[in-house]
Amino acid sequence: MEDTIVESIDYETLQYMIENFPDINKIYHHFILDIFVKTDAKIRLLKIPNSRERFEEFIRLNQHHYKDYIRRIPKHILASLLNMRPETLSRIITETGNNLI
């Protein structure tokens, strides 16, 4: 969706760095923990059966960034992320007015 630079490192080099550099080990474990926490939040979000409540939970989970997300992410992508039809997301955004956006 946006220009991105992706860096990579091979598995053996990563393992070497984790084993031999304590700061890299800390960063790596922090990164892995962050992934687990965000994945858990996404799973919990998608288990909410009501589309409006799912959208409101998305906003709560992303309270510092949601306005930027709503402006930047195409609505059909955001709707897909929230497991709803674009029409449903559009209706919810319209209904919420300026309260959430």
Protein backbone atom coordinates (compact mmCIF):
# COMPACT_ATOMS: atom_id res chain seq x y z
CA MET A 1 0.00 0.00 0.00
CA GLU A 2 2.92 2.32 0.69
CA ASP A 3 6.56 2.40 -0.33
CA THR A 4 8.52 0.22 2.04
CA ILE A 5 12.11 -0.83 2.50
CA VAL A 6 12.52 -4.39 3.70
CA GLU A 7 15.74 -5.64 5.23
CA SER A 8 16.49 -9.28 5.86
CA ILE A 9 19.00 -11.41 7.68
CA ASP A 10 19.60 -15.11 7.35
CA TYR A 11 18.62 -17.43 10.20
CA GLU A 12 22.16 -18.49 11.14
CA THR A 13 23.35 -14.89 11.42
CA LEU A 14 20.34 -13.99 13.54
CA GLN A 15 20.99 -16.92 15.88
CA TYR A 16 24.65 -15.94 16.17
CA MET A 17 23.71 -12.35 17.01
CA ILE A 18 21.12 -13.43 19.60
CA GLU A 19 23.61 -15.74 21.31
CA ASN A 20 26.55 -13.33 21.28
CA PHE A 21 25.09 -9.86 21.68
CA PRO A 22 22.89 -9.29 24.75
CA ASP A 23 21.37 -6.09 23.34
CA ILE A 24 20.28 -7.89 20.17
CA ASN A 25 18.84 -10.67 22.34
CA LYS A 26 16.76 -8.12 24.28
CA ILE A 27 15.54 -6.42 21.11
CA TYR A 28 14.68 -9.77 19.53
CA HIS A 29 12.68 -10.95 22.52
CA HIS A 30 10.90 -7.62 22.83
CA PHE A 31 10.01 -7.82 19.12
CA ILE A 32 8.69 -11.40 19.43
CA LEU A 33 6.63 -10.51 22.52
CA ASP A 34 5.16 -7.51 20.68
CA ILE A 35 4.14 -9.78 17.79
CA PHE A 36 2.41 -12.19 20.19
CA VAL A 37 0.53 -9.40 21.95
CA LYS A 38 -0.63 -7.83 18.66
CA THR A 39 -1.64 -11.22 17.24
CA ASP A 40 -3.67 -11.99 20.35
CA ALA A 41 -5.41 -8.60 20.11
CA LYS A 42 -6.23 -9.21 16.43
CA ILE A 43 -7.68 -12.67 17.20
CA ARG A 44 -9.80 -11.23 20.02
CA LEU A 45 -10.94 -8.41 17.72
CA LEU A 46 -12.08 -10.81 15.02
CA LYS A 47 -14.06 -12.86 17.53
CA ILE A 48 -16.40 -9.92 18.20
CA PRO A 49 -19.56 -10.83 16.26
CA ASN A 50 -21.02 -7.32 15.94
CA SER A 51 -19.36 -5.23 13.19
CA ARG A 52 -19.84 -1.90 14.96
CA GLU A 53 -18.42 -3.28 18.22
CA ARG A 54 -15.49 -4.76 16.25
CA PHE A 55 -14.82 -1.33 14.70
CA GLU A 56 -15.05 0.37 18.11
CA GLU A 57 -12.62 -2.18 19.57
CA PHE A 58 -10.25 -1.55 16.65
CA ILE A 59 -10.36 2.14 17.53
CA ARG A 60 -9.78 1.40 21.23
CA LEU A 61 -6.79 -0.84 20.43
CA ASN A 62 -5.35 1.76 18.06
CA GLN A 63 -6.41 4.89 19.91
CA HIS A 64 -3.22 6.78 19.08
CA HIS A 65 -3.23 5.94 15.36
CA TYR A 66 -6.77 5.15 14.22
CA LYS A 67 -7.48 8.57 12.67
CA ASP A 68 -4.34 8.23 10.58
CA TYR A 69 -5.28 4.64 9.67
CA ILE A 70 -8.77 5.65 8.56
CA ARG A 71 -7.34 8.41 6.36
CA ARG A 72 -4.46 6.37 4.89
CA ILE A 73 -5.76 2.83 4.53
CA PRO A 74 -8.16 2.28 1.63
CA LYS A 75 -11.61 1.49 3.03
CA HIS A 76 -11.80 -1.90 1.32
CA ILE A 77 -8.50 -2.93 2.94
CA LEU A 78 -9.60 -1.72 6.38
CA ALA A 79 -12.94 -3.50 5.95
CA SER A 80 -11.10 -6.70 5.04
CA LEU A 81 -8.85 -6.31 8.09
CA LEU A 82 -11.98 -5.98 10.25
CA ASN A 83 -13.70 -8.91 8.51
CA MET A 84 -16.63 -6.89 7.18
CA ARG A 85 -17.91 -5.65 3.84
CA PRO A 86 -16.75 -2.19 2.71
CA GLU A 87 -20.37 -1.04 2.70
CA THR A 88 -20.73 -2.03 6.35
CA LEU A 89 -17.57 -0.15 7.32
CA SER A 90 -18.69 2.91 5.37
CA ARG A 91 -22.08 2.87 7.14
CA ILE A 92 -20.42 2.52 10.56
CA ILE A 93 -18.01 5.38 9.85
CA THR A 94 -20.90 7.56 8.65
CA GLU A 95 -23.01 6.70 11.71
CA THR A 96 -20.19 7.48 14.14
CA GLY A 97 -19.76 10.94 12.62
CA ASN A 98 -17.09 12.98 14.35
CA ASN A 99 -17.34 11.01 17.59
CA LEU A 100 -14.68 8.51 16.54
CA ILE A 101 -13.04 9.96 13.45
